[in-house]
């Protein structure tokens, strides 16, 4: 029997005004939304994501901690760099500092999908 691997996907909408954050669960080839998008700084996005993850006891604690820690890094980077005009700048920062999140082939863990709206 083949074990289906579960991963958490941090979905990001990056614009100058807001940072949209949502979390999905990927199991095998299926993706299931776990949260709505929360818009920082209009809402307390990190706290809302944490609350929603805490309400899902079947998710591994390790993955919850990893994705919330990474969400903190994304929020901090956005605060400093929210007006970047080229998506490549954002991708290069995260791919250099967090190469594991771009590897969907990993056994388990987290990865991200980004929608970039700055032009």
PDB file of N, CA and C in Angstrom:
ATOM      1  N   UNK A   1       0.839  -1.188   0.000  1.00  0.00           N
ATOM      2  CA  UNK A   1       0.000   0.000   0.000  1.00  0.00           C
ATOM      3  C   UNK A   1       0.882   1.248   0.000  1.00  0.00           C
ATOM      4  N   UNK A   2       0.613   2.160  -0.926  1.00  0.00           N
ATOM      5  CA  UNK A   2       1.374   3.399  -1.036  1.00  0.00           C
ATOM      6  C   UNK A   2       0.736   4.451  -0.153  1.00  0.00           C
ATOM      7  N   UNK A   3       1.576   5.062   0.685  1.00  0.00           N
ATOM      8  CA  UNK A   3       1.098   6.112   1.577  1.00  0.00           C
ATOM      9  C   UNK A   3       0.967   7.418   0.800  1.00  0.00           C
ATOM     10  N   UNK A   4      -0.171   8.055   0.910  1.00  0.00           N
ATOM     11  CA  UNK A   4      -0.388   9.337   0.258  1.00  0.00           C
ATOM     12  C   UNK A   4       0.271  10.441   1.081  1.00  0.00           C
ATOM     13  N   UNK A   5       1.108  11.213   0.439  1.00  0.00           N
ATOM     14  CA  UNK A   5       1.861  12.263   1.116  1.00  0.00           C
ATOM     15  C   UNK A   5       0.995  13.515   1.249  1.00  0.00           C
ATOM     16  N   UNK A   6       1.008  14.094   2.435  1.00  0.00           N
ATOM     17  CA  UNK A   6       0.266  15.323   2.689  1.00  0.00           C
ATOM     18  C   UNK A   6       1.239  16.485   2.805  1.00  0.00           C
ATOM     19  N   UNK A   7       0.915  17.570   2.123  1.00  0.00           N
ATOM     20  CA  UNK A   7       1.714  18.787   2.196  1.00  0.00           C
ATOM     21  C   UNK A   7       0.772  19.960   2.425  1.00  0.00           C
ATOM     22  N   UNK A   8       1.309  21.016   2.986  1.00  0.00           N
ATOM     23  CA  UNK A   8       0.553  22.254   3.111  1.00  0.00           C
ATOM     24  C   UNK A   8       1.093  23.237   2.082  1.00  0.00           C
ATOM     25  N   UNK A   9       0.186  23.943   1.438  1.00  0.00           N
ATOM     26  CA  UNK A   9       0.537  24.913   0.410  1.00  0.00           C
ATOM     27  C   UNK A   9       0.164  26.297   0.918  1.00  0.00           C
ATOM     28  N   UNK A  10       1.148  27.190   0.992  1.00  0.00           N
ATOM     29  CA  UNK A  10       0.878  28.585   1.342  1.00  0.00           C
ATOM     30  C   UNK A  10       0.630  29.326   0.046  1.00  0.00           C
ATOM     31  N   UNK A  11      -0.584  29.810  -0.126  1.00  0.00           N
ATOM     32  CA  UNK A  11      -0.932  30.593  -1.309  1.00  0.00           C
ATOM     33  C   UNK A  11      -0.805  32.073  -0.947  1.00  0.00           C
ATOM     34  N   UNK A  12      -0.142  32.813  -1.830  1.00  0.00           N
ATOM     35  CA  UNK A  12       0.165  34.220  -1.564  1.00  0.00           C
ATOM     36  C   UNK A  12      -0.317  35.077  -2.726  1.00  0.00           C
ATOM     37  N   UNK A  13      -1.022  36.151  -2.399  1.00  0.00           N
ATOM     38  CA  UNK A  13      -1.320  37.199  -3.372  1.00  0.00           C
ATOM     39  C   UNK A  13      -0.517  38.416  -2.926  1.00  0.00           C
ATOM     40  N   UNK A  14       0.422  38.840  -3.748  1.00  0.00           N
ATOM     41  CA  UNK A  14       1.366  39.905  -3.403  1.00  0.00           C
ATOM     42  C   UNK A  14       1.002  41.169  -4.168  1.00  0.00           C
ATOM     43  N   UNK A  15       0.630  42.219  -3.451  1.00  0.00           N
ATOM     44  CA  UNK A  15       0.418  43.528  -4.073  1.00  0.00           C
ATOM     45  C   UNK A  15       1.004  44.587  -3.157  1.00  0.00           C
ATOM     46  N   UNK A  16       1.058  45.817  -3.649  1.00  0.00           N
ATOM     47  CA  UNK A  16       1.615  46.908  -2.844  1.00  0.00           C
ATOM     48  C   UNK A  16       0.766  47.208  -1.615  1.00  0.00           C
ATOM     49  N   UNK A  17      -0.551  47.054  -1.758  1.00  0.00           N
ATOM     50  CA  UNK A  17      -1.463  47.443  -0.691  1.00  0.00           C
ATOM     51  C   UNK A  17      -1.705  46.348   0.334  1.00  0.00           C
ATOM     52  N   UNK A  18      -1.809  45.108  -0.117  1.00  0.00           N
ATOM     53  CA  UNK A  18      -2.131  44.001   0.782  1.00  0.00           C
ATOM     54  C   UNK A  18      -1.339  42.757   0.398  1.00  0.00           C
ATOM     55  N   UNK A  19      -1.237  41.886   1.371  1.00  0.00           N
ATOM     56  CA  UNK A  19      -0.660  40.569   1.159  1.00  0.00           C
ATOM     57  C   UNK A  19      -1.754  39.562   1.490  1.00  0.00           C
ATOM     58  N   UNK A  20      -2.205  38.819   0.495  1.00  0.00           N
ATOM     59  CA  UNK A  20      -3.231  37.810   0.717  1.00  0.00           C
ATOM     60  C   UNK A  20      -2.582  36.476   1.053  1.00  0.00           C
ATOM     61  N   UNK A  21      -3.053  35.823   2.109  1.00  0.00           N
ATOM     62  CA  UNK A  21      -2.485  34.552   2.558  1.00  0.00           C
ATOM     63  C   UNK A  21      -3.593  33.528   2.756  1.00  0.00           C
ATOM     64  N   UNK A  22      -3.383  32.340   2.224  1.00  0.00           N
ATOM     65  CA  UNK A  22      -4.315  31.229   2.408  1.00  0.00           C
ATOM     66  C   UNK A  22      -3.508  29.944   2.451  1.00  0.00           C
ATOM     67  N   UNK A  23      -4.092  28.910   3.041  1.00  0.00           N
ATOM     68  CA  UNK A  23      -3.413  27.622   3.145  1.00  0.00           C
ATOM     69  C   UNK A  23      -4.312  26.540   2.565  1.00  0.00           C
ATOM     70  N   UNK A  24      -3.700  25.708   1.727  1.00  0.00           N
ATOM     71  CA  UNK A  24      -4.366  24.541   1.164  1.00  0.00           C
ATOM     72  C   UNK A  24      -3.643  23.292   1.650  1.00  0.00           C
ATOM     73  N   UNK A  25      -4.315  22.171   1.559  1.00  0.00           N
ATOM     74  CA  UNK A  25      -3.705  20.880   1.855  1.00  0.00           C
ATOM     75  C   UNK A  25      -3.607  20.122   0.537  1.00  0.00           C
ATOM     76  N   UNK A  26      -2.426  19.602   0.245  1.00  0.00           N
ATOM     77  CA  UNK A  26      -2.232  18.789  -0.949  1.00  0.00           C
ATOM     78  C   UNK A  26      -2.010  17.360  -0.503  1.00  0.00           C
ATOM     79  N   UNK A  27      -2.848  16.492  -0.998  1.00  0.00           N
ATOM     80  CA  UNK A  27      -2.738  15.066  -0.675  1.00  0.00           C
ATOM     81  C   UNK A  27      -2.753  14.314  -1.992  1.00  0.00           C
ATOM     82  N   UNK A  28      -1.615  13.698  -2.325  1.00  0.00           N
ATOM     83  CA  UNK A  28      -1.489  13.087  -3.637  1.00  0.00           C
ATOM     84  C   UNK A  28      -1.557  14.158  -4.694  1.00  0.00           C
ATOM     85  N   UNK A  29      -2.457  13.997  -5.662  1.00  0.00           N
ATOM     86  CA  UNK A  29      -2.625  14.998  -6.711  1.00  0.00           C
ATOM     87  C   UNK A  29      -3.793  15.933  -6.449  1.00  0.00           C
ATOM     88  N   UNK A  30      -4.443  15.797  -5.306  1.00  0.00           N
ATOM     89  CA  UNK A  30      -5.605  16.618  -4.971  1.00  0.00           C
ATOM     90  C   UNK A  30      -5.200  17.779  -4.065  1.00  0.00           C
ATOM     91  N   UNK A  31      -5.824  18.925  -4.286  1.00  0.00           N
ATOM     92  CA  UNK A  31      -5.598  20.097  -3.437  1.00  0.00           C
ATOM     93  C   UNK A  31      -6.930  20.488  -2.819  1.00  0.00           C
ATOM     94  N   UNK A  32      -6.913  20.659  -1.483  1.00  0.00           N
ATOM     95  CA  UNK A  32      -8.116  21.002  -0.732  1.00  0.00           C
ATOM     96  C   UNK A  32      -7.878  22.325   0.005  1.00  0.00           C
ATOM     97  N   UNK A  33      -8.737  23.323  -0.228  1.00  0.00           N
ATOM     98  CA  UNK A  33      -8.587  24.579   0.515  1.00  0.00           C
ATOM     99  C   UNK A  33      -8.831  24.342   2.008  1.00  0.00           C
ATOM    100  N   UNK A  34      -7.923  24.818   2.838  1.00  0.00           N
ATOM    101  CA  UNK A  34      -8.110  24.740   4.294  1.00  0.00           C
ATOM    102  C   UNK A  34      -8.590  26.061   4.872  1.00  0.00           C
ATOM    103  N   UNK A  35      -8.169  27.163   4.258  1.00  0.00           N
ATOM    104  CA  UNK A  35      -8.533  28.483   4.780  1.00  0.00           C
ATOM    105  C   UNK A  35      -8.979  29.385   3.638  1.00  0.00           C
ATOM    106  N   UNK A  36      -9.650  30.442   4.009  1.00  0.00           N
ATOM    107  CA  UNK A  36      -9.928  31.531   3.079  1.00  0.00           C
ATOM    108  C   UNK A  36      -8.656  32.359   2.949  1.00  0.00           C
ATOM    109  N   UNK A  37      -8.654  33.297   2.004  1.00  0.00           N
ATOM    110  CA  UNK A  37      -7.564  34.271   1.945  1.00  0.00           C
ATOM    111  C   UNK A  37      -7.789  35.307   3.033  1.00  0.00           C
ATOM    112  N   UNK A  38      -6.745  35.632   3.747  1.00  0.00           N
ATOM    113  CA  UNK A  38      -6.762  36.716   4.720  1.00  0.00           C
ATOM    114  C   UNK A  38      -5.813  37.792   4.234  1.00  0.00           C
ATOM    115  N   UNK A  39      -6.264  39.039   4.309  1.00  0.00           N
ATOM    116  CA  UNK A  39      -5.496  40.150   3.752  1.00  0.00           C
ATOM    117  C   UNK A  39      -4.790  40.924   4.854  1.00  0.00           C
ATOM    118  N   UNK A  40      -3.481  40.889   4.817  1.00  0.00           N
ATOM    119  CA  UNK A  40      -2.640  41.646   5.735  1.00  0.00           C
ATOM    120  C   UNK A  40      -2.355  42.969   5.062  1.00  0.00           C
ATOM    121  N   UNK A  41      -2.378  44.105   5.685  1.00  0.00           N
ATOM    122  CA  UNK A  41      -2.577  44.369   7.108  1.00  0.00           C
ATOM    123  C   UNK A  41      -4.024  44.674   7.472  1.00  0.00           C
ATOM    124  N   UNK A  42      -4.962  44.436   6.579  1.00  0.00           N
ATOM    125  CA  UNK A  42      -6.371  44.733   6.890  1.00  0.00           C
ATOM    126  C   UNK A  42      -6.944  43.808   7.950  1.00  0.00           C
ATOM    127  N   UNK A  43      -6.406  42.605   8.054  1.00  0.00           N
ATOM    128  CA  UNK A  43      -6.842  41.658   9.079  1.00  0.00           C
ATOM    129  C   UNK A  43      -5.608  41.106   9.795  1.00  0.00           C
ATOM    130  N   UNK A  44      -5.837  40.412  10.862  1.00  0.00           N
ATOM    131  CA  UNK A  44      -4.744  39.737  11.579  1.00  0.00           C
ATOM    132  C   UNK A  44      -4.540  38.371  10.929  1.00  0.00           C
ATOM    133  N   UNK A  45      -3.971  38.407   9.723  1.00  0.00           N
ATOM    134  CA  UNK A  45      -3.889  37.205   8.883  1.00  0.00           C
ATOM    135  C   UNK A  45      -3.175  36.052   9.580  1.00  0.00           C
ATOM    136  N   UNK A  46      -2.051  36.312  10.211  1.00  0.00           N
ATOM    137  CA  UNK A  46      -1.286  35.234  10.843  1.00  0.00           C
ATOM    138  C   UNK A  46      -2.116  34.555  11.926  1.00  0.00           C
ATOM    139  N   UNK A  47      -2.757  35.340  12.775  1.00  0.00           N
ATOM    140  CA  UNK A  47      -3.568  34.778  13.852  1.00  0.00           C
ATOM    141  C   UNK A  47      -4.758  33.994  13.305  1.00  0.00           C
ATOM    142  N   UNK A  48      -5.342  34.485  12.231  1.00  0.00           N
ATOM    143  CA  UNK A  48      -6.476  33.779  11.644  1.00  0.00           C
ATOM    144  C   UNK A  48      -6.042  32.446  11.037  1.00  0.00           C
ATOM    145  N   UNK A  49      -4.893  32.439  10.373  1.00  0.00           N
ATOM    146  CA  UNK A  49      -4.382  31.177   9.827  1.00  0.00           C
ATOM    147  C   UNK A  49      -4.062  30.187  10.951  1.00  0.00           C
ATOM    148  N   UNK A  50      -3.443  30.688  12.017  1.00  0.00           N
ATOM    149  CA  UNK A  50      -3.119  29.823  13.154  1.00  0.00           C
ATOM    150  C   UNK A  50      -4.387  29.215  13.751  1.00  0.00           C
ATOM    151  N   UNK A  51      -5.404  30.022  13.934  1.00  0.00           N
ATOM    152  CA  UNK A  51      -6.661  29.538  14.500  1.00  0.00           C
ATOM    153  C   UNK A  51      -7.283  28.451  13.619  1.00  0.00           C
ATOM    154  N   UNK A  52      -7.275  28.686  12.312  1.00  0.00           N
ATOM    155  CA  UNK A  52      -7.848  27.685  11.414  1.00  0.00           C
ATOM    156  C   UNK A  52      -7.032  26.395  11.409  1.00  0.00           C
ATOM    157  N   UNK A  53      -5.715  26.494  11.433  1.00  0.00           N
ATOM    158  CA  UNK A  53      -4.883  25.286  11.478  1.00  0.00           C
ATOM    159  C   UNK A  53      -5.088  24.529  12.788  1.00  0.00           C
ATOM    160  N   UNK A  54      -5.205  25.263  13.889  1.00  0.00           N
ATOM    161  CA  UNK A  54      -5.426  24.625  15.194  1.00  0.00           C
ATOM    162  C   UNK A  54      -6.748  23.866  15.241  1.00  0.00           C
ATOM    163  N   UNK A  55      -7.696  24.266  14.423  1.00  0.00           N
ATOM    164  CA  UNK A  55      -8.999  23.598  14.424  1.00  0.00           C
ATOM    165  C   UNK A  55      -9.008  22.326  13.563  1.00  0.00           C
ATOM    166  N   UNK A  56      -7.846  21.981  13.023  1.00  0.00           N
ATOM    167  CA  UNK A  56      -7.731  20.778  12.188  1.00  0.00           C
ATOM    168  C   UNK A  56      -6.724  19.811  12.817  1.00  0.00           C
ATOM    169  N   UNK A  57      -7.208  18.992  13.745  1.00  0.00           N
ATOM    170  CA  UNK A  57      -6.295  18.131  14.508  1.00  0.00           C
ATOM    171  C   UNK A  57      -5.616  17.047  13.678  1.00  0.00           C
ATOM    172  N   UNK A  58      -6.101  16.743  12.493  1.00  0.00           N
ATOM    173  CA  UNK A  58      -5.491  15.698  11.674  1.00  0.00           C
ATOM    174  C   UNK A  58      -4.198  16.157  10.993  1.00  0.00           C
ATOM    175  N   UNK A  59      -3.950  17.480  10.985  1.00  0.00           N
ATOM    176  CA  UNK A  59      -2.714  17.971  10.370  1.00  0.00           C
ATOM    177  C   UNK A  59      -1.543  17.785  11.325  1.00  0.00           C
ATOM    178  N   UNK A  60      -0.401  17.340  10.820  1.00  0.00           N
ATOM    179  CA  UNK A  60       0.766  17.185  11.694  1.00  0.00           C
ATOM    180  C   UNK A  60       1.200  18.527  12.294  1.00  0.00           C
ATOM    181  N   UNK A  61       1.473  18.525  13.589  1.00  0.00           N
ATOM    182  CA  UNK A  61       1.912  19.750  14.274  1.00  0.00           C
ATOM    183  C   UNK A  61       3.154  20.332  13.621  1.00  0.00           C
ATOM    184  N   UNK A  62       4.049  19.462  13.208  1.00  0.00           N
ATOM    185  CA  UNK A  62       5.292  19.916  12.572  1.00  0.00           C
ATOM    186  C   UNK A  62       4.986  20.771  11.348  1.00  0.00           C
ATOM    187  N   UNK A  63       4.027  20.352  10.525  1.00  0.00           N
ATOM    188  CA  UNK A  63       3.688  21.106   9.326  1.00  0.00           C
ATOM    189  C   UNK A  63       3.010  22.431   9.675  1.00  0.00           C
ATOM    190  N   UNK A  64       2.187  22.414  10.696  1.00  0.00           N
ATOM    191  CA  UNK A  64       1.537  23.659  11.130  1.00  0.00           C
ATOM    192  C   UNK A  64       2.587  24.678  11.558  1.00  0.00           C
ATOM    193  N   UNK A  65       3.543  24.231  12.349  1.00  0.00           N
ATOM    194  CA  UNK A  65       4.601  25.129  12.832  1.00  0.00           C
ATOM    195  C   UNK A  65       5.432  25.639  11.669  1.00  0.00           C
ATOM    196  N   UNK A  66       5.810  24.739  10.747  1.00  0.00           N
ATOM    197  CA  UNK A  66       6.625  25.144   9.602  1.00  0.00           C
ATOM    198  C   UNK A  66       5.919  26.192   8.753  1.00  0.00           C
ATOM    199  N   UNK A  67       4.644  25.980   8.465  1.00  0.00           N
ATOM    200  CA  UNK A  67       3.959  26.918   7.573  1.00  0.00           C
ATOM    201  C   UNK A  67       3.694  28.250   8.275  1.00  0.00           C
ATOM    202  N   UNK A  68       3.437  28.229   9.578  1.00  0.00           N
ATOM    203  CA  UNK A  68       3.259  29.493  10.305  1.00  0.00           C
ATOM    204  C   UNK A  68       4.580  30.245  10.424  1.00  0.00           C
ATOM    205  N   UNK A  69       5.679  29.527  10.641  1.00  0.00           N
ATOM    206  CA  UNK A  69       6.996  30.183  10.676  1.00  0.00           C
ATOM    207  C   UNK A  69       7.318  30.801   9.325  1.00  0.00           C
ATOM    208  N   UNK A  70       7.034  30.063   8.267  1.00  0.00           N
ATOM    209  CA  UNK A  70       7.304  30.608   6.941  1.00  0.00           C
ATOM    210  C   UNK A  70       6.383  31.790   6.647  1.00  0.00           C
ATOM    211  N   UNK A  71       5.142  31.720   7.092  1.00  0.00           N
ATOM    212  CA  UNK A  71       4.218  32.844   6.917  1.00  0.00           C
ATOM    213  C   UNK A  71       4.780  34.098   7.582  1.00  0.00           C
ATOM    214  N   UNK A  72       5.391  33.945   8.749  1.00  0.00           N
ATOM    215  CA  UNK A  72       6.031  35.076   9.426  1.00  0.00           C
ATOM    216  C   UNK A  72       7.134  35.663   8.558  1.00  0.00           C
ATOM    217  N   UNK A  73       7.941  34.809   7.936  1.00  0.00           N
ATOM    218  CA  UNK A  73       9.017  35.277   7.049  1.00  0.00           C
ATOM    219  C   UNK A  73       8.443  36.036   5.853  1.00  0.00           C
ATOM    220  N   UNK A  74       7.363  35.526   5.283  1.00  0.00           N
ATOM    221  CA  UNK A  74       6.727  36.193   4.148  1.00  0.00           C
ATOM    222  C   UNK A  74       6.206  37.566   4.574  1.00  0.00           C
ATOM    223  N   UNK A  75       5.528  37.632   5.711  1.00  0.00           N
ATOM    224  CA  UNK A  75       5.019  38.916   6.211  1.00  0.00           C
ATOM    225  C   UNK A  75       6.149  39.916   6.435  1.00  0.00           C
ATOM    226  N   UNK A  76       7.221  39.481   7.061  1.00  0.00           N
ATOM    227  CA  UNK A  76       8.359  40.372   7.319  1.00  0.00           C
ATOM    228  C   UNK A  76       9.001  40.849   6.024  1.00  0.00           C
ATOM    229  N   UNK A  77       9.164  39.949   5.067  1.00  0.00           N
ATOM    230  CA  UNK A  77       9.757  40.342   3.789  1.00  0.00           C
ATOM    231  C   UNK A  77       8.838  41.303   3.041  1.00  0.00           C
ATOM    232  N   UNK A  78       7.532  41.050   3.069  1.00  0.00           N
ATOM    233  CA  UNK A  78       6.591  41.938   2.401  1.00  0.00           C
ATOM    234  C   UNK A  78       6.624  43.341   3.007  1.00  0.00           C
ATOM    235  N   UNK A  79       6.739  43.431   4.328  1.00  0.00           N
ATOM    236  CA  UNK A  79       6.789  44.747   4.987  1.00  0.00           C
ATOM    237  C   UNK A  79       7.965  45.562   4.472  1.00  0.00           C
ATOM    238  N   UNK A  80       9.090  44.896   4.207  1.00  0.00           N
ATOM    239  CA  UNK A  80      10.296  45.589   3.737  1.00  0.00           C
ATOM    240  C   UNK A  80      10.301  45.794   2.223  1.00  0.00           C
ATOM    241  N   UNK A  81       9.634  44.921   1.486  1.00  0.00           N
ATOM    242  CA  UNK A  81       9.816  44.883   0.031  1.00  0.00           C
ATOM    243  C   UNK A  81       8.509  44.876  -0.743  1.00  0.00           C
ATOM    244  N   UNK A  82       7.471  45.419  -0.184  1.00  0.00           N
ATOM    245  CA  UNK A  82       6.159  45.272  -0.820  1.00  0.00           C
ATOM    246  C   UNK A  82       6.025  46.015  -2.135  1.00  0.00           C
ATOM    247  N   UNK A  83       6.893  46.979  -2.403  1.00  0.00           N
ATOM    248  CA  UNK A  83       6.784  47.743  -3.640  1.00  0.00           C
ATOM    249  C   UNK A  83       7.682  47.213  -4.758  1.00  0.00           C
ATOM    250  N   UNK A  84       8.295  46.058  -4.581  1.00  0.00           N
ATOM    251  CA  UNK A  84       9.126  45.526  -5.662  1.00  0.00           C
ATOM    252  C   UNK A  84       8.290  45.393  -6.925  1.00  0.00           C
ATOM    253  N   UNK A  85       8.915  45.683  -8.047  1.00  0.00           N
ATOM    254  CA  UNK A  85       8.180  45.678  -9.309  1.00  0.00           C
ATOM    255  C   UNK A  85       8.375  44.394 -10.101  1.00  0.00           C
ATOM    256  N   UNK A  86       9.341  43.605  -9.710  1.00  0.00           N
ATOM    257  CA  UNK A  86       9.638  42.396 -10.473  1.00  0.00           C
ATOM    258  C   UNK A  86       9.482  41.169  -9.601  1.00  0.00           C
ATOM    259  N   UNK A  87       8.634  40.281 -10.050  1.00  0.00           N
ATOM    260  CA  UNK A  87       8.359  39.052  -9.329  1.00  0.00           C
ATOM    261  C   UNK A  87       9.631  38.231  -9.094  1.00  0.00           C
ATOM    262  N   UNK A  88      10.581  38.342 -10.008  1.00  0.00           N
ATOM    263  CA  UNK A  88      11.828  37.590  -9.878  1.00  0.00           C
ATOM    264  C   UNK A  88      12.566  37.946  -8.586  1.00  0.00           C
ATOM    265  N   UNK A  89      12.452  39.200  -8.131  1.00  0.00           N
ATOM    266  CA  UNK A  89      13.081  39.593  -6.870  1.00  0.00           C
ATOM    267  C   UNK A  89      12.498  38.819  -5.696  1.00  0.00           C
ATOM    268  N   UNK A  90      11.206  38.694  -5.678  1.00  0.00           N
ATOM    269  CA  UNK A  90      10.534  37.960  -4.611  1.00  0.00           C
ATOM    270  C   UNK A  90      10.920  36.485  -4.681  1.00  0.00           C
ATOM    271  N   UNK A  91      10.818  35.915  -5.868  1.00  0.00           N
ATOM    272  CA  UNK A  91      11.156  34.502  -6.022  1.00  0.00           C
ATOM    273  C   UNK A  91      12.605  34.214  -5.674  1.00  0.00           C
ATOM    274  N   UNK A  92      13.513  35.092  -6.086  1.00  0.00           N
ATOM    275  CA  UNK A  92      14.928  34.819  -5.798  1.00  0.00           C
ATOM    276  C   UNK A  92      15.202  34.874  -4.303  1.00  0.00           C
ATOM    277  N   UNK A  93      14.555  35.781  -3.582  1.00  0.00           N
ATOM    278  CA  UNK A  93      14.748  35.829  -2.128  1.00  0.00           C
ATOM    279  C   UNK A  93      14.314  34.521  -1.485  1.00  0.00           C
ATOM    280  N   UNK A  94      13.111  34.065  -1.815  1.00  0.00           N
ATOM    281  CA  UNK A  94      12.595  32.863  -1.174  1.00  0.00           C
ATOM    282  C   UNK A  94      13.264  31.593  -1.677  1.00  0.00           C
ATOM    283  N   UNK A  95      13.582  31.526  -2.953  1.00  0.00           N
ATOM    284  CA  UNK A  95      14.223  30.311  -3.450  1.00  0.00           C
ATOM    285  C   UNK A  95      15.643  30.185  -2.928  1.00  0.00           C
ATOM    286  N   UNK A  96      16.318  31.309  -2.674  1.00  0.00           N
ATOM    287  CA  UNK A  96      17.668  31.255  -2.113  1.00  0.00           C
ATOM    288  C   UNK A  96      17.629  30.912  -0.624  1.00  0.00           C
ATOM    289  N   UNK A  97      16.748  31.560   0.116  1.00  0.00           N
ATOM    290  CA  UNK A  97      16.689  31.371   1.566  1.00  0.00           C
ATOM    291  C   UNK A  97      15.884  30.144   1.999  1.00  0.00           C
ATOM    292  N   UNK A  98      14.977  29.699   1.154  1.00  0.00           N
ATOM    293  CA  UNK A  98      14.106  28.567   1.499  1.00  0.00           C
ATOM    294  C   UNK A  98      13.942  27.638   0.295  1.00  0.00           C
ATOM    295  N   UNK A  99      15.017  27.040  -0.186  1.00  0.00           N
ATOM    296  CA  UNK A  99      14.900  26.226  -1.413  1.00  0.00           C
ATOM    297  C   UNK A  99      13.950  25.045  -1.265  1.00  0.00           C
ATOM    298  N   UNK A 100      13.786  24.523  -0.065  1.00  0.00           N
ATOM    299  CA  UNK A 100      12.939  23.347   0.132  1.00  0.00           C
ATOM    300  C   UNK A 100      11.472  23.620  -0.161  1.00  0.00           C
ATOM    301  N   UNK A 101      11.023  24.861  -0.049  1.00  0.00           N
ATOM    302  CA  UNK A 101       9.601  25.143  -0.269  1.00  0.00           C
ATOM    303  C   UNK A 101       9.224  25.156  -1.737  1.00  0.00           C
ATOM    304  N   UNK A 102      10.217  25.197  -2.613  1.00  0.00           N
ATOM    305  CA  UNK A 102       9.926  25.179  -4.037  1.00  0.00           C
ATOM    306  C   UNK A 102      10.018  23.776  -4.611  1.00  0.00           C
ATOM    307  N   UNK A 103      10.316  22.808  -3.753  1.00  0.00           N
ATOM    308  CA  UNK A 103      10.500  21.444  -4.215  1.00  0.00           C
ATOM    309  C   UNK A 103       9.264  20.617  -3.894  1.00  0.00           C
ATOM    310  N   UNK A 104       8.374  20.519  -4.850  1.00  0.00           N
ATOM    311  CA  UNK A 104       7.148  19.750  -4.660  1.00  0.00           C
ATOM    312  C   UNK A 104       7.428  18.249  -4.616  1.00  0.00           C
ATOM    313  N   UNK A 105       8.658  17.840  -4.867  1.00  0.00           N
ATOM    314  CA  UNK A 105       9.014  16.426  -4.856  1.00  0.00           C
ATOM    315  C   UNK A 105       9.415  15.951  -3.462  1.00  0.00           C
ATOM    316  N   UNK A 106       9.519  16.858  -2.508  1.00  0.00           N
ATOM    317  CA  UNK A 106       9.934  16.459  -1.169  1.00  0.00           C
ATOM    318  C   UNK A 106       8.923  15.489  -0.566  1.00  0.00           C
ATOM    319  N   UNK A 107       9.355  14.699   0.392  1.00  0.00           N
ATOM    320  CA  UNK A 107       8.506  13.675   0.992  1.00  0.00           C
ATOM    321  C   UNK A 107       7.317  14.285   1.705  1.00  0.00           C
ATOM    322  N   UNK A 108       7.541  15.299   2.475  1.00  0.00           N
ATOM    323  CA  UNK A 108       6.434  15.977   3.136  1.00  0.00           C
ATOM    324  C   UNK A 108       6.854  17.406   3.415  1.00  0.00           C
ATOM    325  N   UNK A 109       5.992  18.185   3.996  1.00  0.00           N
ATOM    326  CA  UNK A 109       6.345  19.554   4.331  1.00  0.00           C
ATOM    327  C   UNK A 109       5.430  20.566   3.689  1.00  0.00           C
ATOM    328  N   UNK A 110       6.038  21.703   3.309  1.00  0.00           N
ATOM    329  CA  UNK A 110       5.260  22.814   2.785  1.00  0.00           C
ATOM    330  C   UNK A 110       5.859  23.293   1.473  1.00  0.00           C
ATOM    331  N   UNK A 111       5.047  23.965   0.693  1.00  0.00           N
ATOM    332  CA  UNK A 111       5.555  24.708  -0.446  1.00  0.00           C
ATOM    333  C   UNK A 111       4.604  25.853  -0.722  1.00  0.00           C
ATOM    334  N   UNK A 112       4.990  26.743  -1.660  1.00  0.00           N
ATOM    335  CA  UNK A 112       4.195  27.946  -1.869  1.00  0.00           C
ATOM    336  C   UNK A 112       3.779  28.090  -3.323  1.00  0.00           C
ATOM    337  N   UNK A 113       2.717  28.849  -3.508  1.00  0.00           N
ATOM    338  CA  UNK A 113       2.259  29.321  -4.812  1.00  0.00           C
ATOM    339  C   UNK A 113       2.024  30.813  -4.653  1.00  0.00           C
ATOM    340  N   UNK A 114       2.563  31.625  -5.582  1.00  0.00           N
ATOM    341  CA  UNK A 114       2.482  33.084  -5.454  1.00  0.00           C
ATOM    342  C   UNK A 114       1.788  33.670  -6.673  1.00  0.00           C
ATOM    343  N   UNK A 115       0.860  34.605  -6.418  1.00  0.00           N
ATOM    344  CA  UNK A 115       0.261  35.436  -7.456  1.00  0.00           C
ATOM    345  C   UNK A 115       0.791  36.835  -7.214  1.00  0.00           C
ATOM    346  N   UNK A 116       1.487  37.386  -8.205  1.00  0.00           N
ATOM    347  CA  UNK A 116       2.155  38.683  -8.067  1.00  0.00           C
ATOM    348  C   UNK A 116       1.362  39.744  -8.819  1.00  0.00           C
ATOM    349  N   UNK A 117       0.925  40.813  -8.137  1.00  0.00           N
ATOM    350  CA  UNK A 117       0.084  41.829  -8.756  1.00  0.00           C
ATOM    351  C   UNK A 117       0.803  43.150  -8.998  1.00  0.00           C
ATOM    352  N   UNK A 118       2.030  43.332  -8.493  1.00  0.00           N
ATOM    353  CA  UNK A 118       2.751  44.589  -8.702  1.00  0.00           C
ATOM    354  C   UNK A 118       3.288  44.641 -10.120  1.00  0.00           C
ATOM    355  N   UNK A 119       3.026  45.738 -10.788  1.00  0.00           N
ATOM    356  CA  UNK A 119       3.560  45.940 -12.155  1.00  0.00           C
ATOM    357  C   UNK A 119       3.880  47.378 -12.363  1.00  0.00           C
TER     358      UNK A 119
END
